[in-house]
Amino acid sequence: MDENQETAADLRDALTRNGFVRCDIAACNCGGWHARYGLPERWAELKEALSDAGHPLCNDNGNMVSKALAALIAERDSLRAELATFTPLRAKGVVDADDNLDCWDTNPYEICTRHVATLNEKDPAAMWRVVDLFARDEGPNV
């Protein structure tokens, strides 16, 4: 290969690495290169989202998105099945950002937004909020 061909190959590699593809649009027929409109950024977002969900692309799943998504979907389905064993209570609770229960009451109207607002004024980082409480019937107390 002569020097010009090597330079052209290097430039093609640089374009490909940065998300460009050779124009194959018949109507355009420019013979140039076009950006793939953020494909590398979308791919990075997908990898980050899988990682945040606890299923990063790694050797365990062969670095394959389909296997990581299958594991995530299986986890979701098992959590849904587990949630089905719980029954909603006629109760509300106040929890912080880490889901630590601060207080609860069987009358849903006793815990109000004023209470949560007061807690958030004391500790804004806690992000207090009112939630519905659930329980599972474990049978009679032994």
N, C-alpha and C. Protein backbone atom coordinates (compact mmCIF):
# COMPACT_ATOMS: atom_id res chain seq x y z
N MET A 1 0.84 -1.17 0.00
CA MET A 1 0.00 0.00 0.00
C MET A 1 0.89 1.24 0.00
N ASP A 2 0.49 2.19 -0.82
CA ASP A 2 1.30 3.41 -0.81
C ASP A 2 0.80 4.35 0.28
N GLU A 3 1.50 5.44 0.46
CA GLU A 3 1.22 6.37 1.56
C GLU A 3 -0.17 7.00 1.45
N ASN A 4 -0.62 7.32 0.23
CA ASN A 4 -1.94 7.92 0.05
C ASN A 4 -3.06 6.96 0.45
N GLN A 5 -2.90 5.69 0.10
CA GLN A 5 -3.93 4.71 0.47
C GLN A 5 -3.97 4.51 1.99
N GLU A 6 -2.79 4.52 2.62
CA GLU A 6 -2.75 4.38 4.08
C GLU A 6 -3.42 5.57 4.75
N THR A 7 -3.18 6.76 4.25
CA THR A 7 -3.80 7.96 4.81
C THR A 7 -5.31 7.90 4.64
N ALA A 8 -5.78 7.47 3.46
CA ALA A 8 -7.22 7.36 3.22
C ALA A 8 -7.84 6.32 4.16
N ALA A 9 -7.15 5.21 4.37
CA ALA A 9 -7.65 4.17 5.28
C ALA A 9 -7.71 4.70 6.71
N ASP A 10 -6.69 5.45 7.12
CA ASP A 10 -6.69 6.05 8.46
C ASP A 10 -7.84 7.02 8.63
N LEU A 11 -8.12 7.82 7.61
CA LEU A 11 -9.22 8.78 7.68
C LEU A 11 -10.57 8.07 7.73
N ARG A 12 -10.71 6.99 6.93
CA ARG A 12 -11.95 6.21 6.99
C ARG A 12 -12.16 5.62 8.38
N ASP A 13 -11.09 5.10 8.97
CA ASP A 13 -11.18 4.55 10.32
C ASP A 13 -11.58 5.62 11.33
N ALA A 14 -11.01 6.82 11.19
CA ALA A 14 -11.33 7.92 12.10
C ALA A 14 -12.80 8.32 11.97
N LEU A 15 -13.32 8.37 10.76
CA LEU A 15 -14.73 8.71 10.56
C LEU A 15 -15.64 7.63 11.16
N THR A 16 -15.30 6.37 10.91
CA THR A 16 -16.11 5.27 11.43
C THR A 16 -16.11 5.27 12.95
N ARG A 17 -14.95 5.48 13.57
CA ARG A 17 -14.85 5.51 15.04
C ARG A 17 -15.68 6.64 15.64
N ASN A 18 -15.88 7.71 14.91
CA ASN A 18 -16.60 8.88 15.43
C ASN A 18 -18.06 8.93 14.97
N GLY A 19 -18.59 7.79 14.54
CA GLY A 19 -20.02 7.70 14.29
C GLY A 19 -20.49 8.09 12.91
N PHE A 20 -19.61 8.13 11.92
CA PHE A 20 -20.01 8.46 10.56
C PHE A 20 -20.09 7.19 9.72
N VAL A 21 -20.97 7.21 8.72
CA VAL A 21 -21.10 6.09 7.79
C VAL A 21 -21.04 6.61 6.36
N ARG A 22 -20.58 5.77 5.46
CA ARG A 22 -20.52 6.12 4.04
C ARG A 22 -21.95 6.29 3.53
N CYS A 23 -22.20 7.31 2.73
CA CYS A 23 -23.53 7.59 2.21
C CYS A 23 -23.96 6.47 1.26
N ASP A 24 -25.10 5.85 1.60
CA ASP A 24 -25.66 4.82 0.71
C ASP A 24 -27.10 5.15 0.35
N ILE A 25 -27.47 6.42 0.50
CA ILE A 25 -28.81 6.87 0.17
C ILE A 25 -28.87 7.16 -1.33
N ALA A 26 -29.71 6.42 -2.04
CA ALA A 26 -29.78 6.55 -3.50
C ALA A 26 -30.16 7.97 -3.93
N ALA A 27 -31.06 8.59 -3.19
CA ALA A 27 -31.50 9.94 -3.55
C ALA A 27 -30.39 10.97 -3.34
N CYS A 28 -29.50 10.72 -2.41
CA CYS A 28 -28.43 11.67 -2.11
C CYS A 28 -27.28 11.50 -3.11
N ASN A 29 -26.77 10.28 -3.20
CA ASN A 29 -25.73 9.93 -4.16
C ASN A 29 -24.53 10.88 -4.09
N CYS A 30 -24.15 11.29 -2.86
CA CYS A 30 -23.06 12.24 -2.74
C CYS A 30 -21.70 11.56 -2.62
N GLY A 31 -21.70 10.28 -2.21
CA GLY A 31 -20.44 9.57 -2.05
C GLY A 31 -19.67 10.01 -0.82
N GLY A 32 -20.28 10.82 0.03
CA GLY A 32 -19.59 11.33 1.22
C GLY A 32 -19.92 10.51 2.45
N TRP A 33 -19.73 11.13 3.60
CA TRP A 33 -19.97 10.50 4.89
C TRP A 33 -21.04 11.28 5.64
N HIS A 34 -21.92 10.57 6.36
CA HIS A 34 -22.98 11.21 7.14
C HIS A 34 -22.90 10.74 8.59
N ALA A 35 -23.24 11.65 9.51
CA ALA A 35 -23.29 11.30 10.92
C ALA A 35 -24.47 10.37 11.17
N ARG A 36 -24.32 9.47 12.14
CA ARG A 36 -25.40 8.54 12.47
C ARG A 36 -26.33 9.13 13.52
N TYR A 37 -26.37 10.43 13.66
CA TYR A 37 -27.31 11.12 14.52
C TYR A 37 -27.31 10.63 15.96
N GLY A 38 -26.16 10.66 16.59
CA GLY A 38 -26.08 10.39 18.02
C GLY A 38 -26.08 8.94 18.42
N LEU A 39 -25.82 8.03 17.49
CA LEU A 39 -25.82 6.61 17.84
C LEU A 39 -24.84 6.30 18.98
N PRO A 40 -23.61 6.80 18.94
CA PRO A 40 -22.71 6.50 20.07
C PRO A 40 -23.25 7.03 21.41
N GLU A 41 -23.89 8.17 21.40
CA GLU A 41 -24.44 8.72 22.63
C GLU A 41 -25.61 7.87 23.14
N ARG A 42 -26.48 7.43 22.21
CA ARG A 42 -27.61 6.58 22.62
C ARG A 42 -27.08 5.25 23.17
N TRP A 43 -26.04 4.70 22.57
CA TRP A 43 -25.45 3.45 23.03
C TRP A 43 -24.88 3.64 24.44
N ALA A 44 -24.21 4.77 24.67
CA ALA A 44 -23.66 5.05 26.00
C ALA A 44 -24.79 5.17 27.02
N GLU A 45 -25.91 5.79 26.64
CA GLU A 45 -27.06 5.91 27.55
C GLU A 45 -27.61 4.54 27.89
N LEU A 46 -27.72 3.66 26.91
CA LEU A 46 -28.22 2.31 27.13
C LEU A 46 -27.32 1.54 28.08
N LYS A 47 -26.01 1.62 27.85
CA LYS A 47 -25.06 0.92 28.72
C LYS A 47 -25.15 1.46 30.15
N GLU A 48 -25.28 2.77 30.29
CA GLU A 48 -25.37 3.39 31.62
C GLU A 48 -26.66 2.98 32.32
N ALA A 49 -27.77 2.96 31.58
CA ALA A 49 -29.05 2.57 32.16
C ALA A 49 -29.03 1.12 32.64
N LEU A 50 -28.45 0.23 31.84
CA LEU A 50 -28.33 -1.17 32.26
C LEU A 50 -27.46 -1.30 33.49
N SER A 51 -26.38 -0.54 33.53
CA SER A 51 -25.48 -0.57 34.68
C SER A 51 -26.19 -0.05 35.93
N ASP A 52 -26.94 1.05 35.79
CA ASP A 52 -27.68 1.62 36.92
C ASP A 52 -28.74 0.64 37.44
N ALA A 53 -29.28 -0.17 36.54
CA ALA A 53 -30.30 -1.14 36.93
C ALA A 53 -29.70 -2.41 37.53
N GLY A 54 -28.37 -2.46 37.62
CA GLY A 54 -27.71 -3.62 38.22
C GLY A 54 -27.38 -4.74 37.24
N HIS A 55 -27.47 -4.45 35.95
CA HIS A 55 -27.18 -5.46 34.93
C HIS A 55 -26.23 -4.88 33.88
N PRO A 56 -24.99 -4.57 34.29
CA PRO A 56 -24.06 -3.97 33.33
C PRO A 56 -23.61 -4.98 32.28
N LEU A 57 -23.19 -4.47 31.14
CA LEU A 57 -22.61 -5.35 30.13
C LEU A 57 -21.26 -5.80 30.65
N CYS A 58 -21.09 -7.13 30.75
CA CYS A 58 -19.84 -7.67 31.30
C CYS A 58 -19.64 -9.08 30.74
N ASN A 59 -18.58 -9.73 31.19
CA ASN A 59 -18.30 -11.08 30.69
C ASN A 59 -19.36 -12.09 31.10
N ASP A 60 -20.04 -11.85 32.25
CA ASP A 60 -21.07 -12.78 32.71
C ASP A 60 -22.22 -12.90 31.72
N ASN A 61 -22.55 -11.80 31.04
CA ASN A 61 -23.64 -11.86 30.05
C ASN A 61 -23.10 -11.77 28.62
N GLY A 62 -21.81 -11.99 28.46
CA GLY A 62 -21.21 -11.99 27.14
C GLY A 62 -21.18 -10.62 26.49
N ASN A 63 -21.31 -9.55 27.29
CA ASN A 63 -21.36 -8.18 26.78
C ASN A 63 -22.47 -8.01 25.76
N MET A 64 -23.57 -8.76 25.95
CA MET A 64 -24.68 -8.70 25.00
C MET A 64 -25.87 -8.01 25.66
N VAL A 65 -26.41 -7.02 24.98
CA VAL A 65 -27.55 -6.27 25.49
C VAL A 65 -28.74 -7.19 25.70
N SER A 66 -28.96 -8.11 24.76
CA SER A 66 -30.14 -8.99 24.87
C SER A 66 -30.09 -9.83 26.14
N LYS A 67 -28.91 -10.30 26.54
CA LYS A 67 -28.80 -11.10 27.76
C LYS A 67 -28.96 -10.23 29.00
N ALA A 68 -28.42 -9.01 28.97
CA ALA A 68 -28.57 -8.09 30.10
C ALA A 68 -30.05 -7.71 30.26
N LEU A 69 -30.73 -7.44 29.14
CA LEU A 69 -32.16 -7.10 29.21
C LEU A 69 -32.99 -8.29 29.66
N ALA A 70 -32.64 -9.50 29.22
CA ALA A 70 -33.36 -10.69 29.64
C ALA A 70 -33.25 -10.87 31.16
N ALA A 71 -32.06 -10.64 31.71
CA ALA A 71 -31.87 -10.74 33.16
C ALA A 71 -32.67 -9.66 33.89
N LEU A 72 -32.69 -8.46 33.34
CA LEU A 72 -33.45 -7.36 33.94
C LEU A 72 -34.95 -7.65 33.91
N ILE A 73 -35.44 -8.18 32.81
CA ILE A 73 -36.85 -8.52 32.68
C ILE A 73 -37.21 -9.66 33.63
N ALA A 74 -36.33 -10.65 33.77
CA ALA A 74 -36.57 -11.75 34.70
C ALA A 74 -36.63 -11.22 36.14
N GLU A 75 -35.75 -10.29 36.47
CA GLU A 75 -35.77 -9.69 37.81
C GLU A 75 -37.08 -8.93 38.03
N ARG A 76 -37.51 -8.16 37.02
CA ARG A 76 -38.78 -7.43 37.12
C ARG A 76 -39.94 -8.38 37.35
N ASP A 77 -39.97 -9.48 36.58
CA ASP A 77 -41.07 -10.44 36.70
C ASP A 77 -41.09 -11.09 38.08
N SER A 78 -39.91 -11.42 38.63
CA SER A 78 -39.88 -12.03 39.96
C SER A 78 -40.32 -11.02 41.03
N LEU A 79 -39.96 -9.75 40.86
CA LEU A 79 -40.40 -8.73 41.80
C LEU A 79 -41.91 -8.52 41.72
N ARG A 80 -42.46 -8.57 40.51
CA ARG A 80 -43.92 -8.46 40.36
C ARG A 80 -44.62 -9.63 41.04
N ALA A 81 -44.06 -10.84 40.88
CA ALA A 81 -44.65 -12.02 41.51
C ALA A 81 -44.58 -11.89 43.03
N GLU A 82 -43.46 -11.38 43.54
CA GLU A 82 -43.33 -11.19 44.98
C GLU A 82 -44.30 -10.12 45.48
N LEU A 83 -44.46 -9.05 44.71
CA LEU A 83 -45.38 -7.98 45.10
C LEU A 83 -46.82 -8.49 45.16
N ALA A 84 -47.15 -9.46 44.32
CA ALA A 84 -48.51 -10.00 44.30
C ALA A 84 -48.84 -10.71 45.61
N THR A 85 -47.83 -11.13 46.37
CA THR A 85 -48.08 -11.80 47.65
C THR A 85 -48.37 -10.81 48.76
N PHE A 86 -48.22 -9.52 48.49
CA PHE A 86 -48.49 -8.49 49.49
C PHE A 86 -49.86 -7.88 49.26
N THR A 87 -50.48 -7.43 50.33
CA THR A 87 -51.77 -6.77 50.22
C THR A 87 -51.65 -5.33 50.67
N PRO A 88 -52.29 -4.41 49.93
CA PRO A 88 -52.23 -3.02 50.37
C PRO A 88 -53.00 -2.86 51.68
N LEU A 89 -52.46 -2.09 52.59
CA LEU A 89 -53.12 -1.79 53.85
C LEU A 89 -53.84 -0.45 53.72
N ARG A 90 -54.82 -0.25 54.57
CA ARG A 90 -55.45 1.06 54.61
C ARG A 90 -54.60 1.94 55.51
N ALA A 91 -53.36 2.11 55.11
CA ALA A 91 -52.43 2.90 55.92
C ALA A 91 -51.47 3.62 55.00
N LYS A 92 -50.95 4.71 55.52
CA LYS A 92 -49.93 5.48 54.80
C LYS A 92 -48.74 5.62 55.72
N GLY A 93 -47.58 5.83 55.12
CA GLY A 93 -46.38 6.05 55.90
C GLY A 93 -45.58 7.18 55.30
N VAL A 94 -44.67 7.71 56.10
CA VAL A 94 -43.76 8.74 55.62
C VAL A 94 -42.38 8.12 55.57
N VAL A 95 -41.78 8.14 54.39
CA VAL A 95 -40.45 7.55 54.22
C VAL A 95 -39.51 8.59 53.65
N ASP A 96 -38.20 8.34 53.83
CA ASP A 96 -37.19 9.24 53.27
C ASP A 96 -36.69 8.68 51.95
N ALA A 97 -35.67 9.30 51.39
CA ALA A 97 -35.16 8.91 50.08
C ALA A 97 -34.65 7.47 50.07
N ASP A 98 -34.20 6.95 51.21
CA ASP A 98 -33.71 5.57 51.30
C ASP A 98 -34.80 4.60 51.72
N ASP A 99 -36.06 5.04 51.66
CA ASP A 99 -37.22 4.24 52.04
C ASP A 99 -37.23 3.82 53.50
N ASN A 100 -36.60 4.62 54.36
CA ASN A 100 -36.67 4.38 55.79
C ASN A 100 -37.97 4.97 56.30
N LEU A 101 -38.75 4.14 56.99
CA LEU A 101 -40.06 4.57 57.48
C LEU A 101 -39.88 5.44 58.72
N ASP A 102 -40.44 6.64 58.67
CA ASP A 102 -40.35 7.55 59.81
C ASP A 102 -41.56 7.38 60.71
N CYS A 103 -42.74 7.32 60.15
CA CYS A 103 -43.94 7.16 60.95
C CYS A 103 -45.03 6.57 60.05
N TRP A 104 -46.07 6.08 60.67
CA TRP A 104 -47.17 5.54 59.89
C TRP A 104 -48.45 5.71 60.68
N ASP A 105 -49.55 5.62 59.99
CA ASP A 105 -50.85 5.78 60.63
C ASP A 105 -51.88 5.06 59.78
N THR A 106 -52.85 4.44 60.45
CA THR A 106 -53.88 3.71 59.71
C THR A 106 -54.89 4.65 59.06
N ASN A 107 -54.99 5.87 59.55
CA ASN A 107 -55.88 6.83 58.92
C ASN A 107 -55.06 7.60 57.88
N PRO A 108 -55.33 7.37 56.59
CA PRO A 108 -54.50 7.99 55.54
C PRO A 108 -54.48 9.51 55.60
N TYR A 109 -55.50 10.11 56.23
CA TYR A 109 -55.56 11.56 56.22
C TYR A 109 -54.78 12.19 57.38
N GLU A 110 -54.35 11.37 58.34
CA GLU A 110 -53.58 11.89 59.46
C GLU A 110 -52.19 12.36 59.00
N ILE A 111 -51.58 11.60 58.10
CA ILE A 111 -50.26 11.99 57.57
C ILE A 111 -50.52 12.86 56.35
N CYS A 112 -50.17 14.09 56.46
CA CYS A 112 -50.52 15.01 55.38
C CYS A 112 -49.28 15.68 54.81
N THR A 113 -49.48 16.44 53.79
CA THR A 113 -48.36 17.11 53.13
C THR A 113 -47.69 18.12 54.04
N ARG A 114 -48.44 18.68 55.03
CA ARG A 114 -47.80 19.61 55.97
C ARG A 114 -46.74 18.90 56.79
N HIS A 115 -47.05 17.65 57.21
CA HIS A 115 -46.08 16.87 57.98
C HIS A 115 -44.82 16.64 57.15
N VAL A 116 -45.01 16.22 55.90
CA VAL A 116 -43.88 15.96 55.01
C VAL A 116 -43.12 17.26 54.75
N ALA A 117 -43.83 18.35 54.57
CA ALA A 117 -43.17 19.64 54.34
C ALA A 117 -42.32 20.03 55.54
N THR A 118 -42.83 19.80 56.75
CA THR A 118 -42.07 20.10 57.97
C THR A 118 -40.81 19.25 58.04
N LEU A 119 -40.96 17.95 57.74
CA LEU A 119 -39.78 17.07 57.75
C LEU A 119 -38.76 17.51 56.71
N ASN A 120 -39.22 17.90 55.53
CA ASN A 120 -38.31 18.33 54.47
C ASN A 120 -37.61 19.64 54.82
N GLU A 121 -38.27 20.50 55.60
CA GLU A 121 -37.61 21.73 56.04
C GLU A 121 -36.46 21.40 56.99
N LYS A 122 -36.66 20.39 57.86
CA LYS A 122 -35.62 20.00 58.82
C LYS A 122 -34.45 19.32 58.12
N ASP A 123 -34.75 18.50 57.12
CA ASP A 123 -33.71 17.73 56.42
C ASP A 123 -34.06 17.64 54.94
N PRO A 124 -33.70 18.69 54.14
CA PRO A 124 -34.08 18.70 52.72
C PRO A 124 -33.48 17.55 51.92
N ALA A 125 -32.33 17.05 52.34
CA ALA A 125 -31.68 15.98 51.59
C ALA A 125 -32.43 14.66 51.72
N ALA A 126 -33.26 14.52 52.74
CA ALA A 126 -33.96 13.25 52.96
C ALA A 126 -35.09 13.01 51.96
N MET A 127 -35.64 14.08 51.38
CA MET A 127 -36.72 13.97 50.39
C MET A 127 -37.87 13.10 50.91
N TRP A 128 -38.46 13.49 52.04
CA TRP A 128 -39.56 12.76 52.65
C TRP A 128 -40.77 12.74 51.71
N ARG A 129 -41.53 11.65 51.75
CA ARG A 129 -42.74 11.55 50.94
C ARG A 129 -43.71 10.57 51.60
N VAL A 130 -44.99 10.72 51.27
CA VAL A 130 -46.03 9.83 51.79
C VAL A 130 -46.18 8.65 50.84
N VAL A 131 -46.25 7.44 51.39
CA VAL A 131 -46.38 6.24 50.56
C VAL A 131 -47.49 5.34 51.12
N ASP A 132 -48.03 4.49 50.27
CA ASP A 132 -48.96 3.45 50.71
C ASP A 132 -48.15 2.33 51.33
N LEU A 133 -48.68 1.73 52.38
CA LEU A 133 -47.98 0.62 53.03
C LEU A 133 -48.61 -0.70 52.60
N PHE A 134 -47.78 -1.74 52.54
CA PHE A 134 -48.20 -3.07 52.13
C PHE A 134 -47.78 -4.05 53.22
N ALA A 135 -48.46 -5.20 53.28
CA ALA A 135 -48.09 -6.24 54.23
C ALA A 135 -48.34 -7.59 53.59
N ARG A 136 -47.69 -8.59 54.12
CA ARG A 136 -47.91 -9.96 53.65
C ARG A 136 -48.44 -10.77 54.81
N ASP A 137 -49.47 -11.55 54.56
CA ASP A 137 -50.05 -12.41 55.60
C ASP A 137 -49.15 -13.61 55.76
N GLU A 138 -48.46 -13.67 56.89
CA GLU A 138 -47.56 -14.79 57.15
C GLU A 138 -48.25 -15.89 57.95
N GLY A 139 -49.56 -15.80 58.11
CA GLY A 139 -50.29 -16.79 58.88
C GLY A 139 -50.43 -16.35 60.33
N PRO A 140 -50.99 -17.23 61.17
CA PRO A 140 -51.19 -16.86 62.58
C PRO A 140 -49.86 -16.68 63.30
N ASN A 141 -49.88 -15.76 64.26
CA ASN A 141 -48.68 -15.55 65.07
C ASN A 141 -48.40 -16.78 65.91
N VAL A 142 -47.17 -17.15 65.95
CA VAL A 142 -46.81 -18.36 66.72
C VAL A 142 -46.12 -17.97 68.00
